[in-house]
């Protein structure tokens, strides 16, 4: 059987850089790539993984393939605060004292998670109400309210990162702020090896969700598109993504993502033009979803929430660009073509 990118193990992608897929529970993404960087004092990680009962043993087995062990991890550079990237980092710090570094613009979102004390995506539910999808918001709240929540998973990092060079021995890394997926998302360029650790900002076969975090909704797709464009301002590198295979060129994939969103904006505007004044939820129902063009009605509850919020993100950009008009009635936005 052909190996899949998500199969457990340890894959060397460059001298001193190893990809470790850590499994994710009940998630369509299957795994997250954690990258182990060998240094003169042990191991630094890019991203931490999702803490679950078997993650530590899985991680230890993977490191053993290169003669290393979890106690050697001294620093963890987390691209953003989603639980599949952050929560296992906290466990490694608790067990072995590893230092955690997170983008400074993630601070409000992380504090909000701790204050909320649950997995309910309150900010996304607020956007569902704006989109005219109150029933969906109720369903999502019901589905997530009883999910296990561990406050210790969301302890603060040891340092808040800003854009600029990182002090990683044997690796000349530079952090770049790339808001959109979350407000504080970071990618890391390896200046010597021609690599970019892209987190969820640039994925090889799918597009990341936009603005899925607690906090204000501040034109997240507009921020994401600008962040993508900054990736074209520097030299081309090889993408090391958080989910999926490595190997694709950064500029090639960024170009494809920008083209995808141009097409999506056009398709979104076309639905508004045909349907007349309509809600974000009504537009989402008329668009295909995923790489398989799945009808909206066939998506699960959580994915329908993501779809409606992503539709709103495209509609908000269209309004910002002046190609779509919006009026608000009783807290629900209605979109029409100018």
C-alpha atoms as a PDB file:
ATOM      1  CA  UNK A   1       0.000   0.000   0.000  1.00  0.00           C
ATOM      2  CA  UNK A   2       1.274   3.473  -0.877  1.00  0.00           C
ATOM      3  CA  UNK A   3       2.196   5.536   2.182  1.00  0.00           C
ATOM      4  CA  UNK A   4       0.009   8.547   2.874  1.00  0.00           C
ATOM      5  CA  UNK A   5       1.351  11.854   4.134  1.00  0.00           C
ATOM      6  CA  UNK A   6      -0.643  11.370   7.355  1.00  0.00           C
ATOM      7  CA  UNK A   7       0.814   7.964   8.244  1.00  0.00           C
ATOM      8  CA  UNK A   8       2.667   8.016  11.606  1.00  0.00           C
ATOM      9  CA  UNK A   9       6.430   8.197  11.428  1.00  0.00           C
ATOM     10  CA  UNK A  10       9.334  10.564  10.886  1.00  0.00           C
ATOM     11  CA  UNK A  11      10.282  11.797   7.410  1.00  0.00           C
ATOM     12  CA  UNK A  12      13.487  13.739   6.750  1.00  0.00           C
ATOM     13  CA  UNK A  13      12.717  16.676   4.432  1.00  0.00           C
ATOM     14  CA  UNK A  14      16.080  18.473   4.588  1.00  0.00           C
ATOM     15  CA  UNK A  15      19.305  18.263   6.531  1.00  0.00           C
ATOM     16  CA  UNK A  16      18.346  18.613  10.179  1.00  0.00           C
ATOM     17  CA  UNK A  17      14.610  18.977   9.438  1.00  0.00           C
ATOM     18  CA  UNK A  18      12.109  16.134   9.947  1.00  0.00           C
ATOM     19  CA  UNK A  19       8.345  15.949   9.372  1.00  0.00           C
ATOM     20  CA  UNK A  20       6.331  14.126  12.055  1.00  0.00           C
ATOM     21  CA  UNK A  21       2.613  13.632  11.281  1.00  0.00           C
ATOM     22  CA  UNK A  22       0.665  13.467  14.537  1.00  0.00           C
ATOM     23  CA  UNK A  23      -2.810  12.014  14.291  1.00  0.00           C
ATOM     24  CA  UNK A  24      -5.926  14.104  14.923  1.00  0.00           C
ATOM     25  CA  UNK A  25      -9.147  12.743  16.464  1.00  0.00           C
ATOM     26  CA  UNK A  26     -12.237  12.572  14.248  1.00  0.00           C
ATOM     27  CA  UNK A  27     -11.044  15.233  11.874  1.00  0.00           C
ATOM     28  CA  UNK A  28     -11.094  15.279   8.079  1.00  0.00           C
ATOM     29  CA  UNK A  29      -7.526  16.611   8.008  1.00  0.00           C
ATOM     30  CA  UNK A  30      -6.363  13.300   9.585  1.00  0.00           C
ATOM     31  CA  UNK A  31      -3.053  14.616  10.956  1.00  0.00           C
ATOM     32  CA  UNK A  32      -0.912  17.662  11.576  1.00  0.00           C
ATOM     33  CA  UNK A  33       2.692  17.910  10.461  1.00  0.00           C
ATOM     34  CA  UNK A  34       4.971  18.856  13.342  1.00  0.00           C
ATOM     35  CA  UNK A  35       8.502  19.673  12.201  1.00  0.00           C
ATOM     36  CA  UNK A  36      11.498  18.657  14.333  1.00  0.00           C
ATOM     37  CA  UNK A  37      14.587  20.828  13.808  1.00  0.00           C
ATOM     38  CA  UNK A  38      17.860  19.407  15.104  1.00  0.00           C
ATOM     39  CA  UNK A  39      19.943  21.968  16.980  1.00  0.00           C
ATOM     40  CA  UNK A  40      23.201  21.908  18.909  1.00  0.00           C
ATOM     41  CA  UNK A  41      21.210  21.739  22.152  1.00  0.00           C
ATOM     42  CA  UNK A  42      18.455  19.306  21.200  1.00  0.00           C
ATOM     43  CA  UNK A  43      15.260  19.735  19.188  1.00  0.00           C
ATOM     44  CA  UNK A  44      13.146  22.758  18.254  1.00  0.00           C
ATOM     45  CA  UNK A  45       9.647  22.189  16.907  1.00  0.00           C
ATOM     46  CA  UNK A  46       7.530  24.091  14.456  1.00  0.00           C
ATOM     47  CA  UNK A  47       3.971  23.584  15.751  1.00  0.00           C
ATOM     48  CA  UNK A  48       2.997  21.375  18.619  1.00  0.00           C
ATOM     49  CA  UNK A  49       0.113  19.135  17.609  1.00  0.00           C
ATOM     50  CA  UNK A  50      -3.246  18.230  19.178  1.00  0.00           C
ATOM     51  CA  UNK A  51      -3.021  16.774  22.683  1.00  0.00           C
ATOM     52  CA  UNK A  52      -4.886  13.480  22.946  1.00  0.00           C
ATOM     53  CA  UNK A  53      -4.258  10.313  24.986  1.00  0.00           C
ATOM     54  CA  UNK A  54      -1.889   8.686  22.479  1.00  0.00           C
ATOM     55  CA  UNK A  55      -0.039  11.723  21.158  1.00  0.00           C
ATOM     56  CA  UNK A  56       2.961  11.588  23.477  1.00  0.00           C
ATOM     57  CA  UNK A  57       3.774   7.952  22.715  1.00  0.00           C
ATOM     58  CA  UNK A  58       3.277   8.555  18.983  1.00  0.00           C
ATOM     59  CA  UNK A  59       5.622  11.536  19.115  1.00  0.00           C
ATOM     60  CA  UNK A  60       8.233   9.636  21.133  1.00  0.00           C
ATOM     61  CA  UNK A  61       8.197   6.752  18.654  1.00  0.00           C
ATOM     62  CA  UNK A  62       8.667   9.133  15.733  1.00  0.00           C
ATOM     63  CA  UNK A  63      11.602  10.918  17.375  1.00  0.00           C
ATOM     64  CA  UNK A  64      13.246   7.600  18.219  1.00  0.00           C
ATOM     65  CA  UNK A  65      13.637   6.997  14.474  1.00  0.00           C
ATOM     66  CA  UNK A  66      16.265   9.767  14.428  1.00  0.00           C
ATOM     67  CA  UNK A  67      17.761   8.820  17.789  1.00  0.00           C
ATOM     68  CA  UNK A  68      15.986  11.566  19.720  1.00  0.00           C
ATOM     69  CA  UNK A  69      13.468  11.753  22.555  1.00  0.00           C
ATOM     70  CA  UNK A  70      10.795  14.254  23.687  1.00  0.00           C
ATOM     71  CA  UNK A  71      12.879  15.456  26.646  1.00  0.00           C
ATOM     72  CA  UNK A  72      15.286  17.023  24.105  1.00  0.00           C
ATOM     73  CA  UNK A  73      12.642  19.489  22.843  1.00  0.00           C
ATOM     74  CA  UNK A  74      13.704  22.911  24.124  1.00  0.00           C
ATOM     75  CA  UNK A  75      11.573  25.336  22.073  1.00  0.00           C
ATOM     76  CA  UNK A  76       8.274  25.128  20.173  1.00  0.00           C
ATOM     77  CA  UNK A  77       7.372  27.788  17.605  1.00  0.00           C
ATOM     78  CA  UNK A  78       3.608  27.628  17.076  1.00  0.00           C
ATOM     79  CA  UNK A  79       2.190  29.067  13.849  1.00  0.00           C
ATOM     80  CA  UNK A  80      -1.221  29.865  15.405  1.00  0.00           C
ATOM     81  CA  UNK A  81      -3.416  29.094  18.365  1.00  0.00           C
ATOM     82  CA  UNK A  82      -5.801  26.434  17.011  1.00  0.00           C
ATOM     83  CA  UNK A  83      -5.845  23.345  19.208  1.00  0.00           C
ATOM     84  CA  UNK A  84      -4.285  21.044  16.598  1.00  0.00           C
ATOM     85  CA  UNK A  85      -1.218  23.302  16.660  1.00  0.00           C
ATOM     86  CA  UNK A  86      -1.042  24.437  20.281  1.00  0.00           C
ATOM     87  CA  UNK A  87      -2.332  21.992  22.877  1.00  0.00           C
ATOM     88  CA  UNK A  88       0.344  19.278  22.667  1.00  0.00           C
ATOM     89  CA  UNK A  89       2.992  21.990  22.928  1.00  0.00           C
ATOM     90  CA  UNK A  90       1.563  22.784  26.361  1.00  0.00           C
ATOM     91  CA  UNK A  91       1.858  19.130  27.374  1.00  0.00           C
ATOM     92  CA  UNK A  92       5.507  19.003  26.263  1.00  0.00           C
ATOM     93  CA  UNK A  93       6.239  22.073  28.345  1.00  0.00           C
ATOM     94  CA  UNK A  94       4.503  20.507  31.341  1.00  0.00           C
ATOM     95  CA  UNK A  95       6.514  17.286  30.998  1.00  0.00           C
ATOM     96  CA  UNK A  96       9.918  18.583  29.918  1.00  0.00           C
ATOM     97  CA  UNK A  97      10.036  22.360  30.277  1.00  0.00           C
ATOM     98  CA  UNK A  98      10.026  23.214  26.564  1.00  0.00           C
ATOM     99  CA  UNK A  99       9.475  26.917  25.868  1.00  0.00           C
ATOM    100  CA  UNK A 100       6.445  27.893  23.753  1.00  0.00           C
ATOM    101  CA  UNK A 101       6.492  30.845  21.347  1.00  0.00           C
ATOM    102  CA  UNK A 102       3.297  32.220  19.756  1.00  0.00           C
ATOM    103  CA  UNK A 103       2.522  35.215  17.553  1.00  0.00           C
ATOM    104  CA  UNK A 104       1.713  38.315  19.616  1.00  0.00           C
ATOM    105  CA  UNK A 105      -1.526  38.981  17.714  1.00  0.00           C
ATOM    106  CA  UNK A 106      -2.853  35.621  18.968  1.00  0.00           C
ATOM    107  CA  UNK A 107      -2.935  36.901  22.556  1.00  0.00           C
ATOM    108  CA  UNK A 108      -6.562  38.223  22.530  1.00  0.00           C
ATOM    109  CA  UNK A 109      -7.843  34.992  20.980  1.00  0.00           C
ATOM    110  CA  UNK A 110      -6.000  32.781  23.466  1.00  0.00           C
ATOM    111  CA  UNK A 111      -7.224  34.845  26.410  1.00  0.00           C
ATOM    112  CA  UNK A 112     -10.762  34.638  25.036  1.00  0.00           C
ATOM    113  CA  UNK A 113     -10.579  30.835  24.863  1.00  0.00           C
ATOM    114  CA  UNK A 114      -9.545  30.704  28.507  1.00  0.00           C
ATOM    115  CA  UNK A 115     -12.253  33.144  29.563  1.00  0.00           C
ATOM    116  CA  UNK A 116     -14.939  31.265  27.633  1.00  0.00           C
ATOM    117  CA  UNK A 117     -13.959  27.900  29.064  1.00  0.00           C
ATOM    118  CA  UNK A 118     -15.534  25.802  26.314  1.00  0.00           C
ATOM    119  CA  UNK A 119     -15.113  24.780  22.668  1.00  0.00           C
ATOM    120  CA  UNK A 120     -18.176  26.751  21.539  1.00  0.00           C
ATOM    121  CA  UNK A 121     -17.061  28.991  18.622  1.00  0.00           C
ATOM    122  CA  UNK A 122     -18.927  32.045  19.856  1.00  0.00           C
ATOM    123  CA  UNK A 123     -17.511  34.467  17.291  1.00  0.00           C
ATOM    124  CA  UNK A 124     -18.471  32.189  14.406  1.00  0.00           C
ATOM    125  CA  UNK A 125     -21.967  31.786  15.860  1.00  0.00           C
ATOM    126  CA  UNK A 126     -22.282  35.579  15.904  1.00  0.00           C
ATOM    127  CA  UNK A 127     -21.448  35.629  12.196  1.00  0.00           C
ATOM    128  CA  UNK A 128     -24.019  32.896  11.526  1.00  0.00           C
ATOM    129  CA  UNK A 129     -26.683  35.162  13.028  1.00  0.00           C
ATOM    130  CA  UNK A 130     -25.535  38.001  10.763  1.00  0.00           C
ATOM    131  CA  UNK A 131     -25.809  35.570   7.850  1.00  0.00           C
ATOM    132  CA  UNK A 132     -29.394  34.653   8.688  1.00  0.00           C
ATOM    133  CA  UNK A 133     -28.507  31.141   9.889  1.00  0.00           C
ATOM    134  CA  UNK A 134     -29.888  31.148  13.426  1.00  0.00           C
ATOM    135  CA  UNK A 135     -30.962  27.492  13.264  1.00  0.00           C
ATOM    136  CA  UNK A 136     -27.456  26.458  12.239  1.00  0.00           C
ATOM    137  CA  UNK A 137     -25.980  28.505  15.093  1.00  0.00           C
ATOM    138  CA  UNK A 138     -28.221  26.660  17.542  1.00  0.00           C
ATOM    139  CA  UNK A 139     -27.153  23.297  16.115  1.00  0.00           C
ATOM    140  CA  UNK A 140     -23.442  24.149  16.313  1.00  0.00           C
ATOM    141  CA  UNK A 141     -23.794  25.342  19.897  1.00  0.00           C
ATOM    142  CA  UNK A 142     -25.535  22.090  20.815  1.00  0.00           C
ATOM    143  CA  UNK A 143     -22.838  19.990  19.127  1.00  0.00           C
ATOM    144  CA  UNK A 144     -19.895  21.780  20.743  1.00  0.00           C
ATOM    145  CA  UNK A 145     -21.202  22.620  24.200  1.00  0.00           C
ATOM    146  CA  UNK A 146     -20.556  19.134  25.572  1.00  0.00           C
ATOM    147  CA  UNK A 147     -17.150  18.600  23.912  1.00  0.00           C
ATOM    148  CA  UNK A 148     -14.426  17.979  26.519  1.00  0.00           C
ATOM    149  CA  UNK A 149     -12.556  21.172  27.390  1.00  0.00           C
ATOM    150  CA  UNK A 150      -9.325  21.219  29.373  1.00  0.00           C
ATOM    151  CA  UNK A 151      -8.329  24.694  30.625  1.00  0.00           C
ATOM    152  CA  UNK A 152      -4.700  23.582  31.070  1.00  0.00           C
ATOM    153  CA  UNK A 153      -4.439  23.086  27.293  1.00  0.00           C
ATOM    154  CA  UNK A 154      -4.704  26.854  26.856  1.00  0.00           C
ATOM    155  CA  UNK A 155      -1.999  28.149  29.176  1.00  0.00           C
ATOM    156  CA  UNK A 156      -0.145  31.228  27.929  1.00  0.00           C
ATOM    157  CA  UNK A 157       3.106  30.798  25.954  1.00  0.00           C
ATOM    158  CA  UNK A 158       6.526  31.660  27.319  1.00  0.00           C
ATOM    159  CA  UNK A 159       6.969  34.436  24.770  1.00  0.00           C
ATOM    160  CA  UNK A 160       4.935  36.378  22.227  1.00  0.00           C
ATOM    161  CA  UNK A 161       6.603  36.491  18.811  1.00  0.00           C
ATOM    162  CA  UNK A 162       6.729  39.436  16.463  1.00  0.00           C
ATOM    163  CA  UNK A 163       7.897  39.318  12.861  1.00  0.00           C
ATOM    164  CA  UNK A 164      11.655  38.986  12.477  1.00  0.00           C
ATOM    165  CA  UNK A 165      14.566  36.594  13.064  1.00  0.00           C
ATOM    166  CA  UNK A 166      14.183  33.673  15.483  1.00  0.00           C
ATOM    167  CA  UNK A 167      16.968  32.444  17.753  1.00  0.00           C
ATOM    168  CA  UNK A 168      17.085  28.792  16.647  1.00  0.00           C
ATOM    169  CA  UNK A 169      20.600  27.308  16.712  1.00  0.00           C
ATOM    170  CA  UNK A 170      21.717  25.815  13.378  1.00  0.00           C
ATOM    171  CA  UNK A 171      18.647  27.277  11.598  1.00  0.00           C
ATOM    172  CA  UNK A 172      18.376  30.802  10.201  1.00  0.00           C
ATOM    173  CA  UNK A 173      14.623  31.297  10.586  1.00  0.00           C
ATOM    174  CA  UNK A 174      12.592  34.466  10.045  1.00  0.00           C
ATOM    175  CA  UNK A 175       8.990  34.826  11.247  1.00  0.00           C
ATOM    176  CA  UNK A 176       6.475  36.576   8.983  1.00  0.00           C
ATOM    177  CA  UNK A 177       3.072  37.733  10.236  1.00  0.00           C
ATOM    178  CA  UNK A 178       0.362  36.330   7.938  1.00  0.00           C
ATOM    179  CA  UNK A 179      -3.099  37.181   9.339  1.00  0.00           C
ATOM    180  CA  UNK A 180      -6.232  35.739   7.760  1.00  0.00           C
ATOM    181  CA  UNK A 181      -6.672  32.190   8.967  1.00  0.00           C
ATOM    182  CA  UNK A 182      -6.218  33.734  12.420  1.00  0.00           C
ATOM    183  CA  UNK A 183      -5.144  37.244  13.369  1.00  0.00           C
ATOM    184  CA  UNK A 184      -1.740  36.210  14.662  1.00  0.00           C
ATOM    185  CA  UNK A 185      -0.775  33.459  12.234  1.00  0.00           C
ATOM    186  CA  UNK A 186       2.961  33.244  11.516  1.00  0.00           C
ATOM    187  CA  UNK A 187       4.978  31.474   8.843  1.00  0.00           C
ATOM    188  CA  UNK A 188       8.697  30.813   9.171  1.00  0.00           C
ATOM    189  CA  UNK A 189      11.220  31.115   6.316  1.00  0.00           C
ATOM    190  CA  UNK A 190      14.358  28.965   6.547  1.00  0.00           C
ATOM    191  CA  UNK A 191      16.827  31.251   4.799  1.00  0.00           C
ATOM    192  CA  UNK A 192      19.538  28.630   4.288  1.00  0.00           C
ATOM    193  CA  UNK A 193      17.515  25.587   3.229  1.00  0.00           C
ATOM    194  CA  UNK A 194      15.001  27.282   0.915  1.00  0.00           C
ATOM    195  CA  UNK A 195      11.994  26.177   2.976  1.00  0.00           C
ATOM    196  CA  UNK A 196       8.910  27.880   4.383  1.00  0.00           C
ATOM    197  CA  UNK A 197       6.988  26.409   7.304  1.00  0.00           C
ATOM    198  CA  UNK A 198       3.569  27.662   6.249  1.00  0.00           C
ATOM    199  CA  UNK A 199       1.284  26.375   9.010  1.00  0.00           C
ATOM    200  CA  UNK A 200      -2.267  26.647   7.691  1.00  0.00           C
ATOM    201  CA  UNK A 201      -1.574  29.798   5.662  1.00  0.00           C
ATOM    202  CA  UNK A 202      -0.532  27.863   2.539  1.00  0.00           C
ATOM    203  CA  UNK A 203      -1.747  24.264   2.229  1.00  0.00           C
ATOM    204  CA  UNK A 204      -0.931  22.090  -0.802  1.00  0.00           C
ATOM    205  CA  UNK A 205      -4.412  20.871  -1.829  1.00  0.00           C
ATOM    206  CA  UNK A 206      -7.027  22.797   0.164  1.00  0.00           C
ATOM    207  CA  UNK A 207      -7.745  26.356   1.269  1.00  0.00           C
ATOM    208  CA  UNK A 208      -7.747  27.165   4.985  1.00  0.00           C
ATOM    209  CA  UNK A 209     -10.820  28.393   6.810  1.00  0.00           C
ATOM    210  CA  UNK A 210     -10.839  32.166   7.154  1.00  0.00           C
ATOM    211  CA  UNK A 211     -11.149  34.000  10.458  1.00  0.00           C
ATOM    212  CA  UNK A 212     -11.993  30.910  12.531  1.00  0.00           C
ATOM    213  CA  UNK A 213     -11.133  32.267  15.976  1.00  0.00           C
ATOM    214  CA  UNK A 214     -12.616  34.145  18.888  1.00  0.00           C
ATOM    215  CA  UNK A 215     -12.656  37.913  18.535  1.00  0.00           C
ATOM    216  CA  UNK A 216     -13.784  40.627  16.174  1.00  0.00           C
ATOM    217  CA  UNK A 217     -14.499  39.898  12.519  1.00  0.00           C
ATOM    218  CA  UNK A 218     -12.202  42.360  10.748  1.00  0.00           C
ATOM    219  CA  UNK A 219     -12.345  41.582   7.018  1.00  0.00           C
ATOM    220  CA  UNK A 220     -10.355  38.350   7.483  1.00  0.00           C
ATOM    221  CA  UNK A 221     -10.352  37.348   3.809  1.00  0.00           C
ATOM    222  CA  UNK A 222      -8.963  40.740   2.853  1.00  0.00           C
ATOM    223  CA  UNK A 223      -6.172  40.225   5.373  1.00  0.00           C
ATOM    224  CA  UNK A 224      -5.583  36.689   4.118  1.00  0.00           C
ATOM    225  CA  UNK A 225      -5.269  37.778   0.483  1.00  0.00           C
ATOM    226  CA  UNK A 226      -2.804  40.516   1.407  1.00  0.00           C
ATOM    227  CA  UNK A 227      -0.838  37.996   3.476  1.00  0.00           C
ATOM    228  CA  UNK A 228      -0.700  35.650   0.486  1.00  0.00           C
ATOM    229  CA  UNK A 229       0.610  38.438  -1.713  1.00  0.00           C
ATOM    230  CA  UNK A 230       3.474  39.102   0.717  1.00  0.00           C
ATOM    231  CA  UNK A 231       4.661  35.536   0.046  1.00  0.00           C
ATOM    232  CA  UNK A 232       5.383  36.595  -3.544  1.00  0.00           C
ATOM    233  CA  UNK A 233       7.579  39.512  -2.475  1.00  0.00           C
ATOM    234  CA  UNK A 234      10.462  37.267  -1.426  1.00  0.00           C
ATOM    235  CA  UNK A 235      12.344  34.394  -3.070  1.00  0.00           C
ATOM    236  CA  UNK A 236      10.542  31.167  -3.933  1.00  0.00           C
ATOM    237  CA  UNK A 237      10.851  28.332  -1.425  1.00  0.00           C
ATOM    238  CA  UNK A 238       9.484  24.844  -0.811  1.00  0.00           C
ATOM    239  CA  UNK A 239       6.272  24.654   1.219  1.00  0.00           C
ATOM    240  CA  UNK A 240       6.352  22.679   4.472  1.00  0.00           C
ATOM    241  CA  UNK A 241       2.631  22.772   5.372  1.00  0.00           C
ATOM    242  CA  UNK A 242       0.831  21.828   8.565  1.00  0.00           C
ATOM    243  CA  UNK A 243      -1.426  19.432   6.652  1.00  0.00           C
ATOM    244  CA  UNK A 244      -0.504  17.528   3.493  1.00  0.00           C
ATOM    245  CA  UNK A 245       2.604  16.602   1.529  1.00  0.00           C
ATOM    246  CA  UNK A 246       5.706  18.736   1.305  1.00  0.00           C
ATOM    247  CA  UNK A 247       7.423  19.657  -1.941  1.00  0.00           C
ATOM    248  CA  UNK A 248       5.263  22.187  -3.775  1.00  0.00           C
ATOM    249  CA  UNK A 249       6.761  25.571  -4.660  1.00  0.00           C
ATOM    250  CA  UNK A 250       5.555  28.471  -2.521  1.00  0.00           C
ATOM    251  CA  UNK A 251       4.974  30.882  -5.409  1.00  0.00           C
ATOM    252  CA  UNK A 252       3.118  28.274  -7.446  1.00  0.00           C
ATOM    253  CA  UNK A 253       0.750  27.429  -4.624  1.00  0.00           C
ATOM    254  CA  UNK A 254       0.202  31.050  -3.593  1.00  0.00           C
ATOM    255  CA  UNK A 255      -0.692  31.881  -7.194  1.00  0.00           C
ATOM    256  CA  UNK A 256      -3.202  29.028  -7.250  1.00  0.00           C
ATOM    257  CA  UNK A 257      -4.769  30.163  -3.969  1.00  0.00           C
ATOM    258  CA  UNK A 258      -5.118  33.752  -5.175  1.00  0.00           C
ATOM    259  CA  UNK A 259      -6.714  32.518  -8.412  1.00  0.00           C
ATOM    260  CA  UNK A 260      -9.083  30.285  -6.432  1.00  0.00           C
ATOM    261  CA  UNK A 261     -10.325  33.206  -4.354  1.00  0.00           C
ATOM    262  CA  UNK A 262     -10.753  35.353  -7.469  1.00  0.00           C
ATOM    263  CA  UNK A 263     -12.991  32.627  -8.911  1.00  0.00           C
ATOM    264  CA  UNK A 264     -14.840  32.274  -5.634  1.00  0.00           C
ATOM    265  CA  UNK A 265     -15.482  36.005  -5.433  1.00  0.00           C
ATOM    266  CA  UNK A 266     -16.843  35.929  -8.981  1.00  0.00           C
ATOM    267  CA  UNK A 267     -19.079  32.933  -8.242  1.00  0.00           C
ATOM    268  CA  UNK A 268     -20.336  34.558  -5.033  1.00  0.00           C
ATOM    269  CA  UNK A 269     -21.216  37.770  -6.829  1.00  0.00           C
ATOM    270  CA  UNK A 270     -22.977  35.779  -9.566  1.00  0.00           C
ATOM    271  CA  UNK A 271     -25.222  34.110  -6.977  1.00  0.00           C
ATOM    272  CA  UNK A 272     -26.085  37.485  -5.447  1.00  0.00           C
ATOM    273  CA  UNK A 273     -26.829  38.901  -8.893  1.00  0.00           C
ATOM    274  CA  UNK A 274     -29.181  36.020  -9.696  1.00  0.00           C
ATOM    275  CA  UNK A 275     -30.878  35.699  -6.315  1.00  0.00           C
ATOM    276  CA  UNK A 276     -31.450  39.392  -5.630  1.00  0.00           C
ATOM    277  CA  UNK A 277     -31.205  40.705  -2.063  1.00  0.00           C
ATOM    278  CA  UNK A 278     -30.171  37.627  -0.082  1.00  0.00           C
ATOM    279  CA  UNK A 279     -28.450  36.563   3.104  1.00  0.00           C
ATOM    280  CA  UNK A 280     -25.004  35.081   3.429  1.00  0.00           C
ATOM    281  CA  UNK A 281     -26.580  31.735   4.324  1.00  0.00           C
ATOM    282  CA  UNK A 282     -28.704  31.801   1.159  1.00  0.00           C
ATOM    283  CA  UNK A 283     -25.589  32.427  -0.933  1.00  0.00           C
ATOM    284  CA  UNK A 284     -23.686  29.599   0.784  1.00  0.00           C
ATOM    285  CA  UNK A 285     -26.539  27.183   0.038  1.00  0.00           C
ATOM    286  CA  UNK A 286     -26.168  27.888  -3.687  1.00  0.00           C
ATOM    287  CA  UNK A 287     -22.416  27.342  -3.878  1.00  0.00           C
ATOM    288  CA  UNK A 288     -20.521  24.022  -4.155  1.00  0.00           C
ATOM    289  CA  UNK A 289     -18.104  23.071  -1.390  1.00  0.00           C
ATOM    290  CA  UNK A 290     -14.830  21.180  -0.994  1.00  0.00           C
ATOM    291  CA  UNK A 291     -12.690  19.931  -3.875  1.00  0.00           C
ATOM    292  CA  UNK A 292     -15.504  17.517  -4.726  1.00  0.00           C
ATOM    293  CA  UNK A 293     -18.118  20.274  -5.246  1.00  0.00           C
ATOM    294  CA  UNK A 294     -20.250  18.872  -2.439  1.00  0.00           C
ATOM    295  CA  UNK A 295     -23.722  20.453  -2.116  1.00  0.00           C
ATOM    296  CA  UNK A 296     -24.142  22.559   1.006  1.00  0.00           C
ATOM    297  CA  UNK A 297     -26.966  20.346   2.299  1.00  0.00           C
ATOM    298  CA  UNK A 298     -24.634  17.325   2.354  1.00  0.00           C
ATOM    299  CA  UNK A 299     -22.083  18.979   4.646  1.00  0.00           C
ATOM    300  CA  UNK A 300     -21.983  18.196   8.358  1.00  0.00           C
ATOM    301  CA  UNK A 301     -23.059  20.800  10.891  1.00  0.00           C
ATOM    302  CA  UNK A 302     -19.565  22.110  11.650  1.00  0.00           C
ATOM    303  CA  UNK A 303     -18.616  22.266   7.965  1.00  0.00           C
ATOM    304  CA  UNK A 304     -21.820  24.154   7.164  1.00  0.00           C
ATOM    305  CA  UNK A 305     -20.807  26.729   9.769  1.00  0.00           C
ATOM    306  CA  UNK A 306     -17.379  27.066   8.143  1.00  0.00           C
ATOM    307  CA  UNK A 307     -19.027  27.355   4.718  1.00  0.00           C
ATOM    308  CA  UNK A 308     -21.414  30.127   5.762  1.00  0.00           C
ATOM    309  CA  UNK A 309     -18.646  32.071   7.504  1.00  0.00           C
ATOM    310  CA  UNK A 310     -16.397  31.704   4.476  1.00  0.00           C
ATOM    311  CA  UNK A 311     -19.199  32.947   2.229  1.00  0.00           C
ATOM    312  CA  UNK A 312     -19.597  35.974   4.482  1.00  0.00           C
ATOM    313  CA  UNK A 313     -15.854  36.568   4.232  1.00  0.00           C
ATOM    314  CA  UNK A 314     -16.098  36.674   0.426  1.00  0.00           C
ATOM    315  CA  UNK A 315     -19.209  38.844   0.499  1.00  0.00           C
ATOM    316  CA  UNK A 316     -17.514  41.310   2.863  1.00  0.00           C
ATOM    317  CA  UNK A 317     -14.550  41.611   0.492  1.00  0.00           C
ATOM    318  CA  UNK A 318     -16.933  42.153  -2.430  1.00  0.00           C
ATOM    319  CA  UNK A 319     -18.616  44.930  -0.437  1.00  0.00           C
ATOM    320  CA  UNK A 320     -15.227  46.417   0.430  1.00  0.00           C
ATOM    321  CA  UNK A 321     -14.295  46.399  -3.266  1.00  0.00           C
ATOM    322  CA  UNK A 322     -17.597  47.995  -4.247  1.00  0.00           C
ATOM    323  CA  UNK A 323     -18.945  45.126  -6.386  1.00  0.00           C
ATOM    324  CA  UNK A 324     -21.712  44.108  -3.953  1.00  0.00           C
ATOM    325  CA  UNK A 325     -24.011  46.218  -1.787  1.00  0.00           C
ATOM    326  CA  UNK A 326     -25.168  45.380   1.751  1.00  0.00           C
ATOM    327  CA  UNK A 327     -27.904  46.602   4.069  1.00  0.00           C
ATOM    328  CA  UNK A 328     -28.610  45.341   7.581  1.00  0.00           C
ATOM    329  CA  UNK A 329     -32.119  44.571   8.814  1.00  0.00           C
ATOM    330  CA  UNK A 330     -32.697  43.369  12.364  1.00  0.00           C
ATOM    331  CA  UNK A 331     -29.072  42.268  12.617  1.00  0.00           C
ATOM    332  CA  UNK A 332     -29.094  40.289   9.360  1.00  0.00           C
ATOM    333  CA  UNK A 333     -27.107  41.458   6.332  1.00  0.00           C
ATOM    334  CA  UNK A 334     -28.794  41.425   2.941  1.00  0.00           C
ATOM    335  CA  UNK A 335     -26.540  41.511  -0.128  1.00  0.00           C
ATOM    336  CA  UNK A 336     -27.344  42.730  -3.621  1.00  0.00           C
ATOM    337  CA  UNK A 337     -25.480  43.707  -6.759  1.00  0.00           C
ATOM    338  CA  UNK A 338     -25.027  47.427  -7.268  1.00  0.00           C
END
